[in-house]
């Protein structure tokens, strides 16, 4: 599997899971869930969702040279958060045919704190793009679980059920 296909499929699968969690959150609680945090020094759920939706575009900008501007606004309703996830998944679908840098092509990663890293595309995807995404995704999951939203392992990997072997018909 090519690096871009791995990256885009992973983002799409996991954003689909995030959308399902947010649907359960809508059934379970109200929009106040977006302000919940795991710890005082961590960002709230709304910011975790924003980061999960910005990171795929930032990764594509770094690895494929796609123009992307990250949002700096947090959603105030669970419905708006779900719309953001859907819009991000639509972008991912549109990037499927985007030429992607070769695994050894250079990527410069500059952070807001002034630190800059020189990586190749494979290292950028493996060591930065995916770990950052999963950090914010798992934080969103943990916030929802801590708030009492009934989520479990099957919700985390719900996309796996498309591969479930069906028992033979009797």
N, C-alpha and C. Protein backbone atom coordinates (compact mmCIF):
# COMPACT_ATOMS: atom_id res chain seq x y z
N UNK A 1 0.84 -1.18 0.00
CA UNK A 1 0.00 0.00 0.00
C UNK A 1 0.89 1.24 0.00
N UNK A 2 0.57 2.18 -0.84
CA UNK A 2 1.31 3.43 -0.92
C UNK A 2 1.10 4.25 0.35
N UNK A 3 2.08 5.08 0.69
CA UNK A 3 1.99 5.91 1.89
C UNK A 3 0.74 6.78 1.88
N UNK A 4 0.42 7.39 0.73
CA UNK A 4 -0.77 8.26 0.70
C UNK A 4 -2.05 7.47 0.92
N UNK A 5 -2.14 6.27 0.37
CA UNK A 5 -3.34 5.45 0.56
C UNK A 5 -3.47 5.04 2.02
N UNK A 6 -2.36 4.66 2.64
CA UNK A 6 -2.37 4.30 4.05
C UNK A 6 -2.83 5.49 4.90
N UNK A 7 -2.26 6.65 4.65
CA UNK A 7 -2.58 7.85 5.41
C UNK A 7 -4.04 8.24 5.24
N UNK A 8 -4.50 8.33 4.01
CA UNK A 8 -5.86 8.79 3.75
C UNK A 8 -6.90 7.79 4.23
N UNK A 9 -6.64 6.49 4.06
CA UNK A 9 -7.58 5.48 4.53
C UNK A 9 -7.65 5.49 6.05
N UNK A 10 -6.52 5.63 6.71
CA UNK A 10 -6.50 5.70 8.17
C UNK A 10 -7.30 6.90 8.66
N UNK A 11 -7.04 8.06 8.08
CA UNK A 11 -7.80 9.25 8.48
C UNK A 11 -9.30 9.05 8.26
N UNK A 12 -9.67 8.55 7.10
CA UNK A 12 -11.09 8.39 6.80
C UNK A 12 -11.75 7.39 7.75
N UNK A 13 -11.11 6.25 7.98
CA UNK A 13 -11.66 5.25 8.90
C UNK A 13 -11.87 5.84 10.29
N UNK A 14 -10.85 6.50 10.80
CA UNK A 14 -10.92 6.98 12.17
C UNK A 14 -11.84 8.19 12.31
N UNK A 15 -11.92 9.03 11.29
CA UNK A 15 -12.88 10.12 11.35
C UNK A 15 -14.31 9.58 11.29
N UNK A 16 -14.51 8.47 10.59
CA UNK A 16 -15.81 7.81 10.61
C UNK A 16 -16.15 7.33 12.01
N UNK A 17 -15.16 6.80 12.72
CA UNK A 17 -15.37 6.41 14.11
C UNK A 17 -15.70 7.63 14.96
N UNK A 18 -14.94 8.70 14.79
CA UNK A 18 -15.20 9.93 15.55
C UNK A 18 -16.63 10.43 15.32
N UNK A 19 -17.08 10.39 14.08
CA UNK A 19 -18.45 10.82 13.79
C UNK A 19 -19.46 9.95 14.54
N UNK A 20 -19.23 8.65 14.59
CA UNK A 20 -20.15 7.76 15.30
C UNK A 20 -20.13 8.05 16.81
N UNK A 21 -18.96 8.38 17.35
CA UNK A 21 -18.89 8.73 18.77
C UNK A 21 -19.68 10.00 19.05
N UNK A 22 -19.54 10.96 18.12
CA UNK A 22 -20.26 12.23 18.31
C UNK A 22 -21.77 12.02 18.18
N UNK A 23 -22.19 11.10 17.32
CA UNK A 23 -23.62 10.77 17.22
C UNK A 23 -24.11 10.20 18.54
N UNK A 24 -23.32 9.31 19.16
CA UNK A 24 -23.70 8.78 20.47
C UNK A 24 -23.70 9.89 21.52
N UNK A 25 -22.75 10.80 21.41
CA UNK A 25 -22.70 11.92 22.36
C UNK A 25 -23.95 12.78 22.23
N UNK A 26 -24.45 12.99 21.01
CA UNK A 26 -25.68 13.76 20.81
C UNK A 26 -26.86 13.06 21.50
N UNK A 27 -26.90 11.74 21.44
CA UNK A 27 -27.98 10.98 22.09
C UNK A 27 -27.84 11.02 23.61
N UNK A 28 -26.60 11.05 24.07
CA UNK A 28 -26.31 10.92 25.50
C UNK A 28 -26.39 12.24 26.27
N UNK A 29 -25.91 13.30 25.65
CA UNK A 29 -25.79 14.55 26.39
C UNK A 29 -26.12 15.74 25.54
N UNK A 30 -25.57 16.85 25.94
CA UNK A 30 -25.82 18.07 25.19
C UNK A 30 -24.50 18.68 24.73
N UNK A 31 -24.61 19.84 24.12
CA UNK A 31 -23.44 20.50 23.54
C UNK A 31 -22.39 20.90 24.58
N UNK A 32 -22.77 20.89 25.85
CA UNK A 32 -21.81 21.20 26.91
C UNK A 32 -20.66 20.19 26.94
N UNK A 33 -20.87 19.01 26.37
CA UNK A 33 -19.79 18.02 26.29
C UNK A 33 -18.57 18.58 25.58
N UNK A 34 -18.77 19.51 24.67
CA UNK A 34 -17.65 20.07 23.90
C UNK A 34 -16.67 20.84 24.78
N UNK A 35 -17.08 21.22 25.97
CA UNK A 35 -16.20 21.95 26.89
C UNK A 35 -15.49 21.03 27.87
N UNK A 36 -15.82 19.74 27.86
CA UNK A 36 -15.19 18.80 28.80
C UNK A 36 -13.71 18.62 28.45
N UNK A 37 -12.92 18.41 29.50
CA UNK A 37 -11.48 18.16 29.38
C UNK A 37 -11.12 16.95 30.23
N UNK A 38 -9.98 16.34 29.92
CA UNK A 38 -9.47 15.27 30.78
C UNK A 38 -8.73 15.84 31.98
N UNK A 39 -8.04 16.94 31.77
CA UNK A 39 -7.27 17.59 32.83
C UNK A 39 -7.29 19.09 32.57
N UNK A 40 -7.07 19.86 33.61
CA UNK A 40 -7.15 21.32 33.49
C UNK A 40 -6.20 21.90 32.45
N UNK A 41 -5.04 21.26 32.26
CA UNK A 41 -4.06 21.81 31.33
C UNK A 41 -4.19 21.23 29.92
N UNK A 42 -5.30 20.54 29.65
CA UNK A 42 -5.53 19.97 28.31
C UNK A 42 -6.65 20.74 27.62
N UNK A 43 -6.67 20.64 26.31
CA UNK A 43 -7.72 21.29 25.53
C UNK A 43 -9.04 20.52 25.68
N UNK A 44 -10.16 21.23 25.53
CA UNK A 44 -11.47 20.58 25.62
C UNK A 44 -11.78 19.77 24.36
N UNK A 45 -12.87 19.03 24.44
CA UNK A 45 -13.29 18.17 23.34
C UNK A 45 -13.40 18.92 22.03
N UNK A 46 -13.99 20.11 22.04
CA UNK A 46 -14.15 20.86 20.79
C UNK A 46 -12.81 21.09 20.10
N UNK A 47 -11.77 21.39 20.86
CA UNK A 47 -10.45 21.63 20.28
C UNK A 47 -9.84 20.33 19.78
N UNK A 48 -10.06 19.23 20.50
CA UNK A 48 -9.55 17.94 20.05
C UNK A 48 -10.16 17.57 18.70
N UNK A 49 -11.45 17.83 18.55
CA UNK A 49 -12.12 17.55 17.27
C UNK A 49 -11.55 18.43 16.18
N UNK A 50 -11.36 19.70 16.48
CA UNK A 50 -10.79 20.62 15.48
C UNK A 50 -9.42 20.11 15.04
N UNK A 51 -8.59 19.72 15.98
CA UNK A 51 -7.26 19.22 15.62
C UNK A 51 -7.37 17.96 14.76
N UNK A 52 -8.29 17.05 15.12
CA UNK A 52 -8.46 15.82 14.32
C UNK A 52 -8.86 16.16 12.88
N UNK A 53 -9.58 17.24 12.70
CA UNK A 53 -10.02 17.62 11.36
C UNK A 53 -9.00 18.48 10.63
N UNK A 54 -8.14 19.18 11.34
CA UNK A 54 -7.07 19.95 10.71
C UNK A 54 -5.90 19.08 10.30
N UNK A 55 -5.60 18.07 11.09
CA UNK A 55 -4.38 17.28 10.87
C UNK A 55 -4.32 16.58 9.52
N UNK A 56 -5.40 16.02 8.99
CA UNK A 56 -5.28 15.42 7.65
C UNK A 56 -4.87 16.43 6.58
N UNK A 57 -5.43 17.62 6.62
CA UNK A 57 -5.05 18.65 5.65
C UNK A 57 -3.62 19.12 5.83
N UNK A 58 -3.21 19.25 7.09
CA UNK A 58 -1.82 19.64 7.36
C UNK A 58 -0.85 18.58 6.86
N UNK A 59 -1.23 17.31 7.04
CA UNK A 59 -0.37 16.22 6.55
C UNK A 59 -0.29 16.25 5.03
N UNK A 60 -1.41 16.46 4.37
CA UNK A 60 -1.40 16.53 2.91
C UNK A 60 -0.62 17.74 2.42
N UNK A 61 -0.69 18.83 3.14
CA UNK A 61 0.10 20.01 2.76
C UNK A 61 1.59 19.70 2.87
N UNK A 62 1.97 18.99 3.92
CA UNK A 62 3.38 18.66 4.10
C UNK A 62 3.88 17.59 3.15
N UNK A 63 3.08 16.58 2.90
CA UNK A 63 3.54 15.43 2.12
C UNK A 63 3.23 15.52 0.64
N UNK A 64 2.22 16.30 0.27
CA UNK A 64 1.83 16.34 -1.14
C UNK A 64 1.79 17.76 -1.70
N UNK A 65 2.09 18.74 -0.88
CA UNK A 65 2.08 20.11 -1.35
C UNK A 65 0.70 20.66 -1.63
N UNK A 66 -0.33 20.08 -1.01
CA UNK A 66 -1.70 20.55 -1.18
C UNK A 66 -1.88 21.83 -0.37
N UNK A 67 -2.52 22.82 -0.95
CA UNK A 67 -2.81 24.04 -0.21
C UNK A 67 -3.87 23.73 0.84
N UNK A 68 -3.61 24.13 2.08
CA UNK A 68 -4.55 23.88 3.16
C UNK A 68 -4.38 24.94 4.22
N UNK A 69 -5.48 25.48 4.69
CA UNK A 69 -5.46 26.43 5.80
C UNK A 69 -6.21 25.81 6.96
N UNK A 70 -5.53 25.64 8.07
CA UNK A 70 -6.16 25.07 9.25
C UNK A 70 -7.16 26.05 9.84
N UNK A 71 -8.22 25.49 10.39
CA UNK A 71 -9.23 26.29 11.08
C UNK A 71 -8.71 26.65 12.47
N UNK A 72 -9.07 27.82 12.94
CA UNK A 72 -8.73 28.18 14.31
C UNK A 72 -9.98 28.40 15.16
N UNK A 73 -11.10 27.89 14.67
CA UNK A 73 -12.38 28.03 15.37
C UNK A 73 -12.85 26.66 15.88
N UNK A 74 -13.30 26.65 17.13
CA UNK A 74 -13.88 25.44 17.69
C UNK A 74 -15.38 25.45 17.46
N UNK A 75 -15.95 24.27 17.31
CA UNK A 75 -17.40 24.15 17.15
C UNK A 75 -18.09 24.34 18.49
N UNK A 76 -19.31 24.86 18.45
CA UNK A 76 -20.07 25.10 19.67
C UNK A 76 -21.24 24.14 19.84
N UNK A 77 -21.49 23.32 18.81
CA UNK A 77 -22.53 22.30 18.92
C UNK A 77 -21.98 20.97 18.41
N UNK A 78 -22.52 19.90 18.93
CA UNK A 78 -22.12 18.58 18.45
C UNK A 78 -22.49 18.40 16.99
N UNK A 79 -23.62 18.98 16.57
CA UNK A 79 -24.02 18.92 15.17
C UNK A 79 -23.00 19.59 14.26
N UNK A 80 -22.50 20.76 14.68
CA UNK A 80 -21.48 21.45 13.89
C UNK A 80 -20.18 20.66 13.85
N UNK A 81 -19.85 20.01 14.96
CA UNK A 81 -18.64 19.18 15.00
C UNK A 81 -18.77 18.02 14.01
N UNK A 82 -19.95 17.42 13.96
CA UNK A 82 -20.16 16.33 13.01
C UNK A 82 -20.08 16.83 11.57
N UNK A 83 -20.59 18.03 11.32
CA UNK A 83 -20.48 18.62 9.98
C UNK A 83 -19.01 18.85 9.62
N UNK A 84 -18.21 19.27 10.57
CA UNK A 84 -16.76 19.47 10.33
C UNK A 84 -16.11 18.14 9.96
N UNK A 85 -16.45 17.09 10.69
CA UNK A 85 -15.90 15.76 10.40
C UNK A 85 -16.30 15.33 8.99
N UNK A 86 -17.56 15.53 8.64
CA UNK A 86 -18.04 15.15 7.30
C UNK A 86 -17.31 15.94 6.22
N UNK A 87 -17.09 17.22 6.44
CA UNK A 87 -16.38 18.04 5.46
C UNK A 87 -14.94 17.58 5.31
N UNK A 88 -14.32 17.19 6.40
CA UNK A 88 -12.94 16.69 6.34
C UNK A 88 -12.88 15.37 5.57
N UNK A 89 -13.85 14.50 5.81
CA UNK A 89 -13.89 13.24 5.07
C UNK A 89 -14.09 13.49 3.57
N UNK A 90 -14.86 14.50 3.21
CA UNK A 90 -15.05 14.85 1.80
C UNK A 90 -13.74 15.33 1.20
N UNK A 91 -12.97 16.13 1.95
CA UNK A 91 -11.65 16.56 1.46
C UNK A 91 -10.75 15.36 1.23
N UNK A 92 -10.75 14.43 2.17
CA UNK A 92 -9.92 13.23 2.05
C UNK A 92 -10.28 12.47 0.78
N UNK A 93 -11.57 12.33 0.51
CA UNK A 93 -12.01 11.64 -0.70
C UNK A 93 -11.44 12.35 -1.94
N UNK A 94 -11.45 13.66 -1.93
CA UNK A 94 -10.93 14.43 -3.06
C UNK A 94 -9.42 14.35 -3.23
N UNK A 95 -8.72 14.00 -2.17
CA UNK A 95 -7.25 13.91 -2.23
C UNK A 95 -6.76 12.56 -2.71
N UNK A 96 -7.64 11.62 -2.95
CA UNK A 96 -7.21 10.26 -3.32
C UNK A 96 -6.32 10.24 -4.56
N UNK A 97 -6.55 11.12 -5.51
CA UNK A 97 -5.76 11.13 -6.74
C UNK A 97 -4.66 12.20 -6.74
N UNK A 98 -4.41 12.80 -5.59
CA UNK A 98 -3.38 13.84 -5.49
C UNK A 98 -2.00 13.21 -5.53
N UNK A 99 -1.11 13.72 -6.39
CA UNK A 99 0.26 13.20 -6.39
C UNK A 99 0.90 13.42 -5.01
N UNK A 100 1.50 12.39 -4.51
CA UNK A 100 2.06 12.38 -3.17
C UNK A 100 3.57 12.30 -3.27
N UNK A 101 4.27 12.95 -2.37
CA UNK A 101 5.72 12.87 -2.38
C UNK A 101 6.21 11.44 -2.21
N UNK A 102 7.35 11.12 -2.82
CA UNK A 102 7.95 9.81 -2.62
C UNK A 102 8.39 9.66 -1.17
N UNK A 103 8.52 8.44 -0.72
CA UNK A 103 8.87 8.20 0.68
C UNK A 103 10.14 8.92 1.12
N UNK A 104 11.08 9.12 0.20
CA UNK A 104 12.33 9.78 0.58
C UNK A 104 12.35 11.28 0.28
N UNK A 105 11.26 11.82 -0.27
CA UNK A 105 11.21 13.26 -0.55
C UNK A 105 11.25 14.05 0.75
N UNK A 106 11.95 15.19 0.76
CA UNK A 106 12.07 15.96 2.00
C UNK A 106 10.77 16.67 2.38
N UNK A 107 10.54 16.72 3.69
CA UNK A 107 9.42 17.46 4.27
C UNK A 107 9.99 18.30 5.40
N UNK A 108 9.66 19.57 5.40
CA UNK A 108 10.07 20.46 6.49
C UNK A 108 8.86 20.69 7.39
N UNK A 109 8.99 20.35 8.64
CA UNK A 109 7.92 20.52 9.62
C UNK A 109 8.29 21.66 10.55
N UNK A 110 7.54 22.75 10.47
CA UNK A 110 7.77 23.90 11.33
C UNK A 110 6.61 24.04 12.31
N UNK A 111 6.94 24.09 13.58
CA UNK A 111 5.93 24.22 14.63
C UNK A 111 5.79 25.67 15.06
N UNK A 112 4.67 25.97 15.67
CA UNK A 112 4.38 27.34 16.10
C UNK A 112 5.38 27.85 17.14
N UNK A 113 6.04 26.94 17.86
CA UNK A 113 7.01 27.36 18.88
C UNK A 113 8.38 27.68 18.30
N UNK A 114 8.50 27.63 16.96
CA UNK A 114 9.75 27.96 16.30
C UNK A 114 10.65 26.78 15.99
N UNK A 115 10.30 25.59 16.43
CA UNK A 115 11.11 24.41 16.13
C UNK A 115 10.80 23.95 14.72
N UNK A 116 11.86 23.53 14.00
CA UNK A 116 11.71 23.02 12.64
C UNK A 116 12.41 21.68 12.55
N UNK A 117 11.76 20.73 11.90
CA UNK A 117 12.29 19.39 11.73
C UNK A 117 12.43 19.09 10.25
N UNK A 118 13.52 18.44 9.87
CA UNK A 118 13.73 17.99 8.50
C UNK A 118 13.57 16.48 8.47
N UNK A 119 12.53 16.04 7.74
CA UNK A 119 12.21 14.62 7.64
C UNK A 119 12.04 14.26 6.18
N UNK A 120 11.90 12.97 5.91
CA UNK A 120 11.44 12.57 4.59
C UNK A 120 9.94 12.26 4.73
N UNK A 121 9.27 12.05 3.61
CA UNK A 121 7.81 11.85 3.63
C UNK A 121 7.41 10.68 4.51
N UNK A 122 8.11 9.55 4.39
CA UNK A 122 7.76 8.37 5.18
C UNK A 122 7.90 8.66 6.68
N UNK A 123 8.98 9.31 7.09
CA UNK A 123 9.18 9.63 8.50
C UNK A 123 8.14 10.65 8.97
N UNK A 124 7.84 11.61 8.13
CA UNK A 124 6.82 12.61 8.48
C UNK A 124 5.48 11.94 8.76
N UNK A 125 5.06 11.04 7.88
CA UNK A 125 3.78 10.35 8.06
C UNK A 125 3.83 9.46 9.30
N UNK A 126 4.88 8.66 9.41
CA UNK A 126 5.01 7.68 10.49
C UNK A 126 5.23 8.33 11.86
N UNK A 127 6.12 9.34 11.91
CA UNK A 127 6.58 9.87 13.18
C UNK A 127 5.86 11.15 13.63
N UNK A 128 5.13 11.79 12.72
CA UNK A 128 4.44 13.02 13.10
C UNK A 128 2.95 12.99 12.74
N UNK A 129 2.63 12.84 11.48
CA UNK A 129 1.24 13.02 11.04
C UNK A 129 0.28 12.04 11.73
N UNK A 130 0.60 10.77 11.72
CA UNK A 130 -0.30 9.80 12.35
C UNK A 130 -0.26 9.85 13.88
N UNK A 131 0.91 9.93 14.52
CA UNK A 131 0.89 10.02 16.00
C UNK A 131 0.13 11.25 16.51
N UNK A 132 0.28 12.40 15.87
CA UNK A 132 -0.44 13.60 16.30
C UNK A 132 -1.94 13.40 16.16
N UNK A 133 -2.36 12.82 15.04
CA UNK A 133 -3.77 12.57 14.82
C UNK A 133 -4.33 11.64 15.89
N UNK A 134 -3.64 10.52 16.14
CA UNK A 134 -4.13 9.56 17.12
C UNK A 134 -4.13 10.14 18.54
N UNK A 135 -3.19 11.00 18.85
CA UNK A 135 -3.19 11.63 20.18
C UNK A 135 -4.49 12.40 20.40
N UNK A 136 -4.86 13.23 19.44
CA UNK A 136 -6.07 14.04 19.61
C UNK A 136 -7.33 13.20 19.48
N UNK A 137 -7.31 12.19 18.62
CA UNK A 137 -8.45 11.29 18.48
C UNK A 137 -8.70 10.52 19.78
N UNK A 138 -7.66 9.96 20.36
CA UNK A 138 -7.81 9.20 21.60
C UNK A 138 -8.18 10.10 22.77
N UNK A 139 -7.70 11.33 22.74
CA UNK A 139 -8.11 12.27 23.79
C UNK A 139 -9.60 12.56 23.68
N UNK A 140 -10.10 12.74 22.45
CA UNK A 140 -11.54 12.95 22.25
C UNK A 140 -12.32 11.74 22.76
N UNK A 141 -11.86 10.54 22.42
CA UNK A 141 -12.51 9.30 22.88
C UNK A 141 -12.54 9.26 24.41
N UNK A 142 -11.41 9.55 25.03
CA UNK A 142 -11.31 9.48 26.49
C UNK A 142 -12.20 10.53 27.15
N UNK A 143 -12.29 11.72 26.59
CA UNK A 143 -13.18 12.75 27.14
C UNK A 143 -14.62 12.27 27.09
N UNK A 144 -15.02 11.72 25.95
CA UNK A 144 -16.40 11.24 25.82
C UNK A 144 -16.68 10.09 26.79
N UNK A 145 -15.74 9.16 26.91
CA UNK A 145 -15.91 8.05 27.86
C UNK A 145 -16.01 8.57 29.29
N UNK A 146 -15.12 9.50 29.64
CA UNK A 146 -15.12 10.05 31.00
C UNK A 146 -16.42 10.81 31.30
N UNK A 147 -17.05 11.35 30.25
CA UNK A 147 -18.31 12.07 30.41
C UNK A 147 -19.51 11.13 30.43
N UNK A 148 -19.27 9.84 30.30
CA UNK A 148 -20.34 8.87 30.39
C UNK A 148 -20.97 8.44 29.08
N UNK A 149 -20.40 8.89 27.96
CA UNK A 149 -20.92 8.44 26.66
C UNK A 149 -20.58 6.95 26.54
N UNK A 150 -21.57 6.11 26.25
CA UNK A 150 -21.34 4.67 26.23
C UNK A 150 -20.58 4.21 24.99
N UNK A 151 -19.27 4.26 25.09
CA UNK A 151 -18.37 3.85 24.00
C UNK A 151 -17.54 2.68 24.47
N UNK A 152 -17.20 1.81 23.53
CA UNK A 152 -16.32 0.67 23.83
C UNK A 152 -15.41 0.41 22.65
N UNK A 153 -14.68 -0.67 22.73
CA UNK A 153 -13.71 -1.03 21.70
C UNK A 153 -14.36 -1.15 20.33
N UNK A 154 -15.56 -1.72 20.27
CA UNK A 154 -16.25 -1.87 18.98
C UNK A 154 -16.53 -0.51 18.35
N UNK A 155 -16.76 0.51 19.17
CA UNK A 155 -16.97 1.86 18.64
C UNK A 155 -15.68 2.44 18.09
N UNK A 156 -14.57 2.09 18.71
CA UNK A 156 -13.27 2.61 18.28
C UNK A 156 -12.90 2.09 16.89
N UNK A 157 -13.17 0.84 16.66
CA UNK A 157 -12.80 0.22 15.38
C UNK A 157 -14.04 -0.27 14.64
N UNK A 158 -15.09 0.51 14.68
CA UNK A 158 -16.34 0.11 14.03
C UNK A 158 -16.19 -0.22 12.56
N UNK A 159 -15.24 0.42 11.90
CA UNK A 159 -15.01 0.17 10.47
C UNK A 159 -14.56 -1.26 10.20
N UNK A 160 -14.08 -1.97 11.22
CA UNK A 160 -13.62 -3.34 11.05
C UNK A 160 -14.75 -4.31 10.73
N UNK A 161 -15.98 -3.94 11.09
CA UNK A 161 -17.09 -4.87 10.88
C UNK A 161 -17.34 -5.15 9.41
N UNK A 162 -16.83 -4.31 8.52
CA UNK A 162 -16.99 -4.63 7.10
C UNK A 162 -16.15 -5.85 6.69
N UNK A 163 -15.20 -6.22 7.54
CA UNK A 163 -14.35 -7.38 7.26
C UNK A 163 -14.80 -8.63 8.01
N UNK A 164 -15.84 -8.53 8.79
CA UNK A 164 -16.30 -9.62 9.63
C UNK A 164 -16.72 -10.83 8.78
N UNK A 165 -16.17 -11.96 9.09
CA UNK A 165 -16.54 -13.20 8.40
C UNK A 165 -17.95 -13.58 8.84
N UNK A 166 -18.77 -13.83 7.87
CA UNK A 166 -20.14 -14.23 8.16
C UNK A 166 -20.21 -15.73 8.33
N UNK A 167 -20.95 -16.19 9.34
CA UNK A 167 -21.07 -17.64 9.50
C UNK A 167 -21.85 -18.22 8.31
N UNK A 168 -21.58 -19.47 7.97
CA UNK A 168 -22.31 -20.10 6.86
C UNK A 168 -23.81 -20.16 7.16
N UNK A 169 -24.59 -20.00 6.14
CA UNK A 169 -26.05 -20.11 6.30
C UNK A 169 -26.43 -21.57 6.45
N UNK A 170 -27.33 -21.85 7.39
CA UNK A 170 -27.73 -23.25 7.58
C UNK A 170 -28.98 -23.60 6.84
